[in-house]
N, C-alpha and C. Protein backbone atom coordinates (compact mmCIF):
# COMPACT_ATOMS: atom_id res chain seq x y z
N MET A 1 83.86 86.49 138.44
CA MET A 1 84.92 86.96 139.34
C MET A 1 85.02 88.48 139.26
N ALA A 2 85.45 89.07 140.33
CA ALA A 2 85.46 90.53 140.42
C ALA A 2 86.35 91.15 139.37
N GLU A 3 87.54 90.51 139.11
CA GLU A 3 88.48 91.09 138.16
C GLU A 3 87.86 91.19 136.77
N THR A 4 87.15 90.14 136.38
CA THR A 4 86.53 90.14 135.07
C THR A 4 85.46 91.21 134.96
N GLN A 5 84.67 91.38 135.99
CA GLN A 5 83.62 92.40 135.98
C GLN A 5 84.23 93.79 135.85
N ASN A 6 85.39 94.01 136.48
CA ASN A 6 86.03 95.31 136.37
C ASN A 6 86.43 95.61 134.93
N LEU A 7 86.88 94.57 134.21
CA LEU A 7 87.32 94.76 132.85
C LEU A 7 86.17 95.22 131.94
N PHE A 8 84.95 94.85 132.30
CA PHE A 8 83.80 95.18 131.47
C PHE A 8 82.80 96.05 132.20
N SER A 9 83.28 96.81 133.17
CA SER A 9 82.38 97.67 133.94
C SER A 9 81.82 98.76 133.05
N ASN A 10 80.56 99.11 133.27
CA ASN A 10 79.92 100.20 132.52
C ASN A 10 80.20 101.51 133.23
N MET A 11 81.42 101.97 133.09
CA MET A 11 81.84 103.19 133.77
C MET A 11 81.07 104.39 133.24
N GLN A 12 80.59 105.23 134.13
CA GLN A 12 79.90 106.46 133.75
C GLN A 12 80.90 107.62 133.77
N HIS A 13 81.06 108.24 132.62
CA HIS A 13 81.98 109.37 132.52
C HIS A 13 81.27 110.66 132.91
N SER A 14 82.06 111.66 133.23
CA SER A 14 81.51 112.94 133.63
C SER A 14 80.67 113.55 132.51
N ARG A 15 79.48 114.01 132.87
CA ARG A 15 78.61 114.67 131.90
C ARG A 15 79.02 116.11 131.66
N ASP A 16 80.04 116.57 132.39
CA ASP A 16 80.53 117.93 132.21
C ASP A 16 81.72 118.00 131.25
N ALA A 17 82.19 116.85 130.77
CA ALA A 17 83.36 116.81 129.91
C ALA A 17 83.07 117.48 128.57
N VAL A 18 84.07 118.13 128.02
CA VAL A 18 83.95 118.76 126.70
C VAL A 18 85.24 118.54 125.91
N CYS A 19 85.10 118.60 124.62
CA CYS A 19 86.26 118.62 123.72
C CYS A 19 86.00 119.72 122.71
N ARG A 20 86.85 120.74 122.73
CA ARG A 20 86.58 121.92 121.92
C ARG A 20 87.85 122.36 121.18
N ALA A 21 87.68 122.71 119.92
CA ALA A 21 88.77 123.28 119.12
C ALA A 21 88.33 124.64 118.61
N ASP A 22 89.21 125.62 118.70
CA ASP A 22 88.90 126.98 118.24
C ASP A 22 90.01 127.45 117.31
N GLY A 23 89.69 127.60 116.01
CA GLY A 23 90.65 128.12 115.04
C GLY A 23 91.90 127.28 114.91
N LEU A 24 91.76 125.98 114.99
CA LEU A 24 92.92 125.10 114.99
C LEU A 24 93.58 125.04 113.61
N ALA A 25 94.90 125.01 113.61
CA ALA A 25 95.66 124.92 112.36
C ALA A 25 96.78 123.91 112.53
N CYS A 26 97.17 123.31 111.39
CA CYS A 26 98.27 122.36 111.39
C CYS A 26 99.19 122.66 110.22
N ALA A 27 100.49 122.68 110.47
CA ALA A 27 101.45 122.95 109.41
C ALA A 27 102.56 121.91 109.46
N ARG A 28 102.98 121.50 108.29
CA ARG A 28 104.13 120.61 108.13
C ARG A 28 105.17 121.35 107.30
N GLY A 29 106.21 121.86 107.97
CA GLY A 29 107.17 122.69 107.29
C GLY A 29 106.50 123.98 106.83
N ALA A 30 106.61 124.29 105.55
CA ALA A 30 106.00 125.51 105.01
C ALA A 30 104.61 125.27 104.47
N ILE A 31 104.11 124.05 104.61
CA ILE A 31 102.80 123.70 104.06
C ILE A 31 101.73 123.75 105.15
N THR A 32 100.67 124.48 104.90
CA THR A 32 99.53 124.50 105.80
C THR A 32 98.62 123.33 105.44
N VAL A 33 98.47 122.39 106.37
CA VAL A 33 97.64 121.21 106.12
C VAL A 33 96.17 121.57 106.25
N PHE A 34 95.83 122.29 107.34
CA PHE A 34 94.49 122.83 107.51
C PHE A 34 94.56 124.01 108.44
N GLU A 35 93.52 124.82 108.46
CA GLU A 35 93.46 125.97 109.36
C GLU A 35 92.01 126.34 109.61
N GLY A 36 91.79 127.07 110.70
CA GLY A 36 90.46 127.55 111.02
C GLY A 36 89.47 126.46 111.40
N VAL A 37 89.95 125.35 111.94
CA VAL A 37 89.06 124.25 112.31
C VAL A 37 88.51 124.50 113.72
N SER A 38 87.21 124.51 113.84
CA SER A 38 86.56 124.72 115.14
C SER A 38 85.41 123.72 115.29
N PHE A 39 85.27 123.20 116.48
CA PHE A 39 84.14 122.32 116.80
C PHE A 39 84.01 122.23 118.32
N SER A 40 82.86 121.78 118.76
CA SER A 40 82.62 121.59 120.19
C SER A 40 81.88 120.28 120.38
N LEU A 41 82.40 119.45 121.26
CA LEU A 41 81.84 118.12 121.51
C LEU A 41 81.52 118.00 122.99
N ALA A 42 80.30 117.58 123.30
CA ALA A 42 79.89 117.38 124.69
C ALA A 42 79.85 115.90 125.01
N ALA A 43 79.70 115.59 126.30
CA ALA A 43 79.62 114.20 126.74
C ALA A 43 78.49 113.49 126.00
N GLY A 44 78.78 112.28 125.52
CA GLY A 44 77.78 111.50 124.81
C GLY A 44 77.68 111.78 123.33
N GLN A 45 78.61 112.59 122.79
CA GLN A 45 78.57 112.94 121.37
C GLN A 45 79.77 112.39 120.62
N ALA A 46 79.58 112.19 119.31
CA ALA A 46 80.65 111.68 118.45
C ALA A 46 80.76 112.55 117.22
N LEU A 47 81.99 112.77 116.78
CA LEU A 47 82.27 113.62 115.63
C LEU A 47 83.07 112.81 114.61
N CYS A 48 82.68 112.90 113.35
CA CYS A 48 83.39 112.22 112.27
C CYS A 48 84.18 113.25 111.46
N LEU A 49 85.48 113.00 111.29
CA LEU A 49 86.34 113.85 110.47
C LEU A 49 86.35 113.28 109.06
N ARG A 50 85.96 114.09 108.09
CA ARG A 50 85.91 113.65 106.70
C ARG A 50 86.86 114.50 105.87
N GLY A 51 87.27 113.97 104.73
CA GLY A 51 88.15 114.71 103.85
C GLY A 51 88.98 113.78 103.00
N ALA A 52 89.54 114.32 101.93
CA ALA A 52 90.37 113.52 101.04
C ALA A 52 91.69 113.17 101.70
N ASN A 53 92.42 112.24 101.11
CA ASN A 53 93.75 111.91 101.60
C ASN A 53 94.62 113.17 101.59
N GLY A 54 95.31 113.39 102.68
CA GLY A 54 96.16 114.58 102.78
C GLY A 54 95.47 115.80 103.33
N SER A 55 94.19 115.68 103.69
CA SER A 55 93.46 116.84 104.19
C SER A 55 93.71 117.11 105.67
N GLY A 56 94.37 116.17 106.36
CA GLY A 56 94.75 116.43 107.74
C GLY A 56 93.94 115.71 108.80
N LYS A 57 93.18 114.71 108.42
CA LYS A 57 92.35 113.99 109.40
C LYS A 57 93.22 113.34 110.48
N SER A 58 94.23 112.61 110.04
CA SER A 58 95.11 111.94 111.00
C SER A 58 95.92 112.95 111.82
N SER A 59 96.31 114.03 111.17
CA SER A 59 97.08 115.08 111.87
C SER A 59 96.25 115.70 112.98
N LEU A 60 94.97 115.94 112.72
CA LEU A 60 94.10 116.52 113.74
C LEU A 60 93.95 115.56 114.92
N LEU A 61 93.80 114.27 114.64
CA LEU A 61 93.72 113.30 115.73
C LEU A 61 95.00 113.29 116.54
N ARG A 62 96.13 113.38 115.86
CA ARG A 62 97.42 113.38 116.57
C ARG A 62 97.57 114.65 117.42
N GLN A 63 97.04 115.77 116.96
CA GLN A 63 97.05 116.98 117.78
C GLN A 63 96.23 116.76 119.05
N LEU A 64 95.05 116.16 118.90
CA LEU A 64 94.19 115.90 120.05
C LEU A 64 94.83 114.92 121.02
N ALA A 65 95.65 114.01 120.48
CA ALA A 65 96.32 113.01 121.32
C ALA A 65 97.59 113.56 121.96
N GLY A 66 97.93 114.80 121.65
CA GLY A 66 99.12 115.41 122.23
C GLY A 66 100.41 114.99 121.55
N LEU A 67 100.31 114.44 120.33
CA LEU A 67 101.48 113.94 119.62
C LEU A 67 101.99 114.91 118.56
N LEU A 68 101.21 115.96 118.28
CA LEU A 68 101.57 116.92 117.26
C LEU A 68 101.13 118.31 117.72
N PRO A 69 102.02 119.29 117.68
CA PRO A 69 101.63 120.63 118.14
C PRO A 69 100.72 121.32 117.14
N ALA A 70 99.88 122.20 117.67
CA ALA A 70 99.00 123.01 116.82
C ALA A 70 99.77 124.24 116.35
N ALA A 71 99.64 124.56 115.06
CA ALA A 71 100.30 125.75 114.52
C ALA A 71 99.58 127.02 114.95
N ALA A 72 98.27 126.89 115.23
CA ALA A 72 97.47 128.01 115.71
C ALA A 72 96.20 127.45 116.33
N GLY A 73 95.54 128.30 117.11
CA GLY A 73 94.28 127.90 117.72
C GLY A 73 94.46 127.27 119.09
N THR A 74 93.35 126.90 119.70
CA THR A 74 93.38 126.33 121.04
C THR A 74 92.55 125.04 121.10
N LEU A 75 92.94 124.19 122.04
CA LEU A 75 92.26 122.93 122.28
C LEU A 75 91.86 122.83 123.74
N THR A 76 90.65 122.39 123.98
CA THR A 76 90.19 122.09 125.33
C THR A 76 89.63 120.67 125.31
N HIS A 77 90.29 119.77 126.03
CA HIS A 77 89.86 118.38 126.02
C HIS A 77 90.49 117.63 127.18
N PRO A 78 90.04 116.40 127.46
CA PRO A 78 90.62 115.63 128.55
C PRO A 78 92.13 115.43 128.36
N ASP A 79 92.84 115.29 129.45
CA ASP A 79 94.28 115.09 129.44
C ASP A 79 94.64 113.94 128.50
N PRO A 80 95.47 114.19 127.47
CA PRO A 80 95.81 113.12 126.53
C PRO A 80 96.45 111.90 127.20
N ALA A 81 97.18 112.12 128.29
CA ALA A 81 97.89 111.01 128.93
C ALA A 81 96.95 110.07 129.68
N TYR A 82 95.87 110.60 130.23
CA TYR A 82 95.00 109.79 131.08
C TYR A 82 93.53 109.80 130.66
N GLY A 83 93.15 110.76 129.84
CA GLY A 83 91.73 110.89 129.51
C GLY A 83 91.36 110.51 128.10
N THR A 84 92.36 110.07 127.29
CA THR A 84 92.06 109.74 125.90
C THR A 84 92.66 108.40 125.50
N HIS A 85 92.00 107.77 124.53
CA HIS A 85 92.54 106.60 123.84
C HIS A 85 92.74 106.99 122.39
N TYR A 86 93.93 106.73 121.87
CA TYR A 86 94.21 107.02 120.47
C TYR A 86 94.55 105.71 119.75
N LEU A 87 93.72 105.34 118.80
CA LEU A 87 93.99 104.17 117.96
C LEU A 87 94.26 104.66 116.55
N GLY A 88 95.53 104.64 116.17
CA GLY A 88 95.92 105.12 114.85
C GLY A 88 96.02 104.01 113.83
N HIS A 89 96.71 104.28 112.73
CA HIS A 89 96.85 103.29 111.67
C HIS A 89 97.70 102.11 112.12
N GLU A 90 98.73 102.38 112.90
CA GLU A 90 99.59 101.30 113.42
C GLU A 90 98.91 100.66 114.62
N ASP A 91 98.90 99.31 114.66
CA ASP A 91 98.19 98.64 115.74
C ASP A 91 98.97 98.58 117.05
N GLY A 92 100.30 98.74 117.00
CA GLY A 92 101.10 98.73 118.22
C GLY A 92 101.15 97.38 118.91
N LEU A 93 100.83 96.32 118.18
CA LEU A 93 100.84 94.97 118.76
C LEU A 93 102.21 94.32 118.58
N LYS A 94 102.50 93.37 119.46
CA LYS A 94 103.77 92.64 119.39
C LYS A 94 103.52 91.27 118.77
N ALA A 95 104.15 91.00 117.65
CA ALA A 95 103.90 89.78 116.89
C ALA A 95 104.24 88.52 117.66
N VAL A 96 105.20 88.59 118.60
CA VAL A 96 105.67 87.39 119.29
C VAL A 96 104.78 87.00 120.48
N LEU A 97 103.80 87.84 120.82
CA LEU A 97 102.89 87.52 121.92
C LEU A 97 101.64 86.84 121.38
N THR A 98 101.02 86.03 122.23
CA THR A 98 99.72 85.46 121.88
C THR A 98 98.63 86.48 122.17
N ILE A 99 97.43 86.19 121.74
CA ILE A 99 96.31 87.08 122.04
C ILE A 99 96.13 87.20 123.55
N ALA A 100 96.17 86.06 124.27
CA ALA A 100 96.00 86.09 125.72
C ALA A 100 97.09 86.91 126.39
N GLU A 101 98.34 86.76 125.93
CA GLU A 101 99.45 87.52 126.51
C GLU A 101 99.29 89.00 126.21
N THR A 102 98.81 89.33 125.03
CA THR A 102 98.57 90.73 124.67
C THR A 102 97.50 91.34 125.57
N LEU A 103 96.42 90.60 125.80
CA LEU A 103 95.35 91.09 126.67
C LEU A 103 95.85 91.25 128.10
N ALA A 104 96.67 90.31 128.57
CA ALA A 104 97.22 90.40 129.93
C ALA A 104 98.13 91.63 130.06
N PHE A 105 98.90 91.91 129.01
CA PHE A 105 99.79 93.07 129.01
C PHE A 105 98.98 94.36 129.06
N ASP A 106 97.96 94.45 128.21
CA ASP A 106 97.12 95.65 128.18
C ASP A 106 96.37 95.83 129.50
N ALA A 107 95.91 94.71 130.08
CA ALA A 107 95.22 94.79 131.36
C ALA A 107 96.14 95.29 132.45
N ALA A 108 97.39 94.82 132.45
CA ALA A 108 98.36 95.26 133.46
C ALA A 108 98.63 96.76 133.34
N LEU A 109 98.72 97.25 132.11
CA LEU A 109 98.91 98.69 131.91
C LEU A 109 97.74 99.49 132.46
N ALA A 110 96.55 98.88 132.40
CA ALA A 110 95.34 99.55 132.89
C ALA A 110 95.14 99.36 134.39
N GLY A 111 96.02 98.56 135.01
CA GLY A 111 95.94 98.36 136.46
C GLY A 111 95.05 97.21 136.87
N TYR A 112 94.70 96.31 135.92
CA TYR A 112 93.86 95.17 136.23
C TYR A 112 94.68 93.89 136.25
N ARG A 113 94.18 92.90 136.97
CA ARG A 113 94.75 91.55 136.94
C ARG A 113 93.60 90.56 136.84
N ALA A 114 93.74 89.58 136.00
CA ALA A 114 92.70 88.58 135.82
C ALA A 114 93.35 87.25 135.44
N ASP A 115 92.53 86.19 135.39
CA ASP A 115 93.09 84.88 135.03
C ASP A 115 92.85 84.60 133.55
N ASN A 116 93.33 83.42 133.11
CA ASN A 116 93.24 83.09 131.69
C ASN A 116 91.80 83.01 131.20
N ASP A 117 90.88 82.58 132.07
CA ASP A 117 89.48 82.50 131.68
C ASP A 117 88.94 83.88 131.33
N ALA A 118 89.39 84.87 132.08
CA ALA A 118 88.94 86.25 131.81
C ALA A 118 89.42 86.71 130.44
N TYR A 119 90.67 86.39 130.10
CA TYR A 119 91.20 86.83 128.82
C TYR A 119 90.54 86.07 127.66
N ALA A 120 90.20 84.81 127.90
CA ALA A 120 89.46 84.05 126.89
C ALA A 120 88.08 84.68 126.67
N ASP A 121 87.47 85.17 127.76
CA ASP A 121 86.16 85.82 127.66
C ASP A 121 86.27 87.11 126.86
N ILE A 122 87.32 87.88 127.11
CA ILE A 122 87.53 89.12 126.37
C ILE A 122 87.71 88.82 124.89
N ALA A 123 88.54 87.81 124.58
CA ALA A 123 88.78 87.44 123.20
C ALA A 123 87.47 87.06 122.51
N ALA A 124 86.62 86.33 123.22
CA ALA A 124 85.34 85.93 122.65
C ALA A 124 84.46 87.15 122.37
N ARG A 125 84.45 88.12 123.28
CA ARG A 125 83.65 89.32 123.10
C ARG A 125 84.13 90.15 121.90
N LEU A 126 85.39 89.96 121.54
CA LEU A 126 85.96 90.68 120.40
C LEU A 126 85.83 89.88 119.11
N GLY A 127 85.14 88.74 119.17
CA GLY A 127 85.00 87.90 117.99
C GLY A 127 86.22 87.05 117.72
N LEU A 128 87.02 86.79 118.76
CA LEU A 128 88.24 85.99 118.63
C LEU A 128 88.17 84.74 119.50
N ALA A 129 86.98 84.20 119.64
CA ALA A 129 86.77 83.01 120.48
C ALA A 129 87.64 81.86 120.01
N GLY A 130 88.31 81.20 120.96
CA GLY A 130 89.15 80.06 120.65
C GLY A 130 90.48 80.42 120.03
N CYS A 131 90.77 81.71 119.93
CA CYS A 131 92.01 82.15 119.29
C CYS A 131 93.03 82.71 120.28
N ASP A 132 92.70 82.67 121.58
CA ASP A 132 93.55 83.35 122.56
C ASP A 132 94.97 82.80 122.62
N TRP A 133 95.19 81.58 122.10
CA TRP A 133 96.52 80.98 122.10
C TRP A 133 97.33 81.37 120.87
N GLN A 134 96.71 81.98 119.87
CA GLN A 134 97.39 82.30 118.63
C GLN A 134 98.36 83.46 118.80
N PHE A 135 99.44 83.40 118.05
CA PHE A 135 100.40 84.50 118.06
C PHE A 135 99.85 85.66 117.23
N VAL A 136 100.09 86.86 117.69
CA VAL A 136 99.60 88.05 117.00
C VAL A 136 100.14 88.11 115.57
N GLY A 137 101.38 87.69 115.38
CA GLY A 137 101.98 87.73 114.05
C GLY A 137 101.28 86.86 113.03
N ASP A 138 100.48 85.90 113.50
CA ASP A 138 99.76 85.00 112.60
C ASP A 138 98.33 85.45 112.34
N LEU A 139 97.92 86.55 112.93
CA LEU A 139 96.54 87.03 112.77
C LEU A 139 96.36 87.79 111.47
N SER A 140 95.13 87.82 110.98
CA SER A 140 94.81 88.63 109.82
C SER A 140 94.73 90.10 110.24
N ALA A 141 94.68 90.99 109.26
CA ALA A 141 94.58 92.42 109.56
C ALA A 141 93.31 92.72 110.35
N GLY A 142 92.20 92.05 109.99
CA GLY A 142 90.95 92.27 110.70
C GLY A 142 91.00 91.77 112.13
N GLN A 143 91.63 90.62 112.35
CA GLN A 143 91.76 90.09 113.71
C GLN A 143 92.63 91.01 114.57
N LYS A 144 93.68 91.54 114.00
CA LYS A 144 94.52 92.48 114.74
C LYS A 144 93.73 93.74 115.11
N ARG A 145 92.90 94.19 114.16
CA ARG A 145 92.10 95.38 114.43
C ARG A 145 91.14 95.13 115.59
N ARG A 146 90.53 93.94 115.60
CA ARG A 146 89.64 93.58 116.70
C ARG A 146 90.40 93.58 118.03
N LEU A 147 91.62 93.04 118.01
CA LEU A 147 92.40 92.93 119.24
C LEU A 147 92.73 94.31 119.82
N THR A 148 92.99 95.29 118.97
CA THR A 148 93.29 96.62 119.48
C THR A 148 92.11 97.25 120.22
N LEU A 149 90.89 96.79 119.88
CA LEU A 149 89.70 97.34 120.54
C LEU A 149 89.65 96.99 122.02
N ALA A 150 90.39 95.96 122.43
CA ALA A 150 90.40 95.56 123.84
C ALA A 150 90.86 96.71 124.73
N ARG A 151 91.76 97.55 124.22
CA ARG A 151 92.27 98.66 125.02
C ARG A 151 91.15 99.62 125.41
N LEU A 152 90.19 99.77 124.53
CA LEU A 152 89.10 100.70 124.80
C LEU A 152 88.22 100.24 125.94
N ILE A 153 88.00 98.92 126.05
CA ILE A 153 87.07 98.41 127.06
C ILE A 153 87.75 98.03 128.35
N MET A 154 89.07 97.78 128.31
CA MET A 154 89.76 97.40 129.54
C MET A 154 90.25 98.60 130.34
N ASP A 155 90.35 99.74 129.68
CA ASP A 155 90.84 100.95 130.35
C ASP A 155 89.92 102.11 129.98
N PRO A 156 88.77 102.22 130.62
CA PRO A 156 87.78 103.25 130.24
C PRO A 156 88.36 104.67 130.34
N ARG A 157 88.26 105.41 129.25
CA ARG A 157 88.69 106.81 129.21
C ARG A 157 87.62 107.60 128.46
N PRO A 158 87.41 108.86 128.81
CA PRO A 158 86.27 109.59 128.25
C PRO A 158 86.33 109.88 126.76
N LEU A 159 87.54 110.10 126.21
CA LEU A 159 87.64 110.51 124.81
C LEU A 159 88.35 109.45 123.98
N TRP A 160 87.66 108.94 122.95
CA TRP A 160 88.27 108.01 122.01
C TRP A 160 88.63 108.75 120.74
N LEU A 161 89.86 108.59 120.27
CA LEU A 161 90.33 109.15 119.01
C LEU A 161 90.63 107.97 118.09
N LEU A 162 89.82 107.80 117.07
CA LEU A 162 89.89 106.61 116.22
C LEU A 162 90.21 107.00 114.78
N ASP A 163 91.28 106.43 114.24
CA ASP A 163 91.66 106.71 112.86
C ASP A 163 91.22 105.55 111.97
N GLU A 164 90.23 105.81 111.11
CA GLU A 164 89.65 104.80 110.22
C GLU A 164 89.31 103.52 110.99
N PRO A 165 88.38 103.60 111.95
CA PRO A 165 88.10 102.45 112.82
C PRO A 165 87.53 101.23 112.11
N MET A 166 86.98 101.39 110.89
CA MET A 166 86.37 100.26 110.19
C MET A 166 87.33 99.56 109.23
N THR A 167 88.57 100.05 109.13
CA THR A 167 89.53 99.48 108.20
C THR A 167 89.78 98.01 108.48
N ALA A 168 89.77 97.19 107.44
CA ALA A 168 90.10 95.76 107.47
C ALA A 168 89.07 94.90 108.18
N LEU A 169 87.95 95.48 108.58
CA LEU A 169 86.94 94.72 109.31
C LEU A 169 85.82 94.26 108.38
N ASP A 170 85.32 93.04 108.66
CA ASP A 170 84.15 92.54 107.94
C ASP A 170 82.89 93.11 108.57
N ALA A 171 81.74 92.65 108.09
CA ALA A 171 80.47 93.20 108.58
C ALA A 171 80.32 93.01 110.09
N ALA A 172 80.71 91.84 110.60
CA ALA A 172 80.60 91.58 112.04
C ALA A 172 81.55 92.48 112.82
N GLY A 173 82.74 92.71 112.29
CA GLY A 173 83.69 93.59 112.96
C GLY A 173 83.23 95.03 112.99
N ARG A 174 82.61 95.47 111.91
CA ARG A 174 82.07 96.83 111.86
C ARG A 174 80.93 96.99 112.87
N ALA A 175 80.11 95.94 112.98
CA ALA A 175 79.02 95.99 113.96
C ALA A 175 79.58 96.04 115.37
N LEU A 176 80.69 95.34 115.61
CA LEU A 176 81.33 95.36 116.92
C LEU A 176 81.79 96.76 117.27
N VAL A 177 82.45 97.43 116.32
CA VAL A 177 82.91 98.81 116.56
C VAL A 177 81.73 99.72 116.87
N THR A 178 80.67 99.58 116.11
CA THR A 178 79.48 100.41 116.32
C THR A 178 78.88 100.15 117.70
N ASP A 179 78.78 98.90 118.08
CA ASP A 179 78.22 98.55 119.40
C ASP A 179 79.07 99.13 120.52
N LEU A 180 80.38 98.99 120.42
CA LEU A 180 81.27 99.53 121.45
C LEU A 180 81.16 101.05 121.51
N ALA A 181 81.11 101.68 120.34
CA ALA A 181 81.00 103.15 120.30
C ALA A 181 79.71 103.62 120.93
N GLU A 182 78.60 102.98 120.60
CA GLU A 182 77.31 103.40 121.15
C GLU A 182 77.26 103.20 122.65
N ALA A 183 77.84 102.11 123.14
CA ALA A 183 77.88 101.89 124.60
C ALA A 183 78.73 102.96 125.28
N HIS A 184 79.84 103.33 124.64
CA HIS A 184 80.72 104.37 125.20
C HIS A 184 79.99 105.71 125.26
N LEU A 185 79.27 106.05 124.21
CA LEU A 185 78.54 107.31 124.18
C LEU A 185 77.42 107.33 125.21
N GLU A 186 76.75 106.21 125.38
CA GLU A 186 75.68 106.13 126.37
C GLU A 186 76.20 106.34 127.78
N SER A 187 77.46 106.00 128.01
CA SER A 187 78.05 106.17 129.33
C SER A 187 78.60 107.58 129.55
N GLY A 188 78.42 108.46 128.56
CA GLY A 188 78.91 109.83 128.68
C GLY A 188 80.25 110.07 128.04
N GLY A 189 80.75 109.08 127.30
CA GLY A 189 82.01 109.24 126.61
C GLY A 189 81.88 110.09 125.36
N MET A 190 83.02 110.41 124.74
CA MET A 190 83.06 111.19 123.51
C MET A 190 83.95 110.46 122.51
N ILE A 191 83.66 110.65 121.23
CA ILE A 191 84.44 110.00 120.17
C ILE A 191 84.70 110.99 119.04
N ILE A 192 85.94 111.04 118.59
CA ILE A 192 86.29 111.74 117.37
C ILE A 192 86.97 110.72 116.47
N ALA A 193 86.38 110.47 115.30
CA ALA A 193 86.89 109.43 114.41
C ALA A 193 87.10 109.98 113.02
N ALA A 194 88.24 109.66 112.43
CA ALA A 194 88.51 110.00 111.04
C ALA A 194 88.04 108.84 110.18
N SER A 195 87.29 109.14 109.15
CA SER A 195 86.76 108.06 108.33
C SER A 195 86.42 108.54 106.93
N HIS A 196 86.65 107.68 105.94
CA HIS A 196 86.25 107.98 104.56
C HIS A 196 84.79 107.60 104.34
N GLU A 197 84.18 106.95 105.31
CA GLU A 197 82.79 106.52 105.16
C GLU A 197 81.95 107.06 106.31
N THR A 198 80.64 107.03 106.12
CA THR A 198 79.73 107.50 107.16
C THR A 198 79.75 106.55 108.34
N LEU A 199 79.79 107.10 109.54
CA LEU A 199 79.77 106.30 110.77
C LEU A 199 78.41 106.48 111.43
N ASP A 200 77.70 105.38 111.64
CA ASP A 200 76.34 105.45 112.16
C ASP A 200 76.26 106.09 113.54
N PHE A 201 77.33 105.99 114.32
CA PHE A 201 77.29 106.50 115.69
C PHE A 201 77.67 107.97 115.79
N ALA A 202 78.07 108.59 114.69
CA ALA A 202 78.51 109.99 114.74
C ALA A 202 77.32 110.95 114.69
N ASP A 203 77.37 112.00 115.51
CA ASP A 203 76.31 113.01 115.56
C ASP A 203 76.55 114.13 114.55
N ALA A 204 77.82 114.39 114.22
CA ALA A 204 78.14 115.51 113.35
C ALA A 204 79.43 115.20 112.59
N GLU A 205 79.73 116.04 111.58
CA GLU A 205 80.92 115.87 110.77
C GLU A 205 81.68 117.19 110.66
N VAL A 206 82.98 117.05 110.53
CA VAL A 206 83.83 118.20 110.18
C VAL A 206 84.56 117.81 108.90
N LEU A 207 84.39 118.63 107.87
CA LEU A 207 85.03 118.38 106.57
C LEU A 207 86.33 119.17 106.49
N LEU A 208 87.43 118.46 106.32
CA LEU A 208 88.73 119.12 106.18
C LEU A 208 89.05 119.24 104.71
N GLY A 209 89.54 120.42 104.31
CA GLY A 209 89.83 120.68 102.91
C GLY A 209 91.20 120.19 102.51
N PRO A 210 91.51 120.33 101.23
CA PRO A 210 92.81 119.91 100.72
C PRO A 210 93.92 120.82 101.20
N ARG A 211 95.13 120.33 101.08
CA ARG A 211 96.28 121.15 101.45
C ARG A 211 96.36 122.36 100.55
N ARG A 212 96.88 123.43 101.15
CA ARG A 212 97.04 124.66 100.39
C ARG A 212 98.51 124.81 99.98
């Protein structure tokens, strides 16, 4: 059906898109979390943010998502409201909804409409086959993490901001994230991900230092 195909369309993003930071700094009160961070990301590239706890990886992602102001420096990137997906530590899921209801809600936000078969298909693609009737509150941490990935594929946006994308996932879940990321990059998308581990799909790394 056409609606289902739209949900999984291989959208081609602009090859002219860029994400650039010049001398970026972040401060919390009188504490400088990081400063002098610069990088440039082109269409089809992925960047991994590395660093110890407290080094500002999540803060930098929140700056890129438009949720935290920069203390210094400049940012050039797709509009946070329409051009980026931000998946942080909190899953933002509603425990009282089923998987199918959650997918229908996310699809509606993205401007799509589909039937129950389509949502069952999405659940299966996320490794949640036969679980579409389950309540989100009854899911494991890994299953919830898989469910949040639906937002990335149902509402194509050029820039993905991912905070520890492999957290709580088993080997199959990690492979799913990698497959989705590689498909996104092949379509001209960009990814910036904070991670304590090496990400196979990342082209480069930015190491953030400890707080000063």
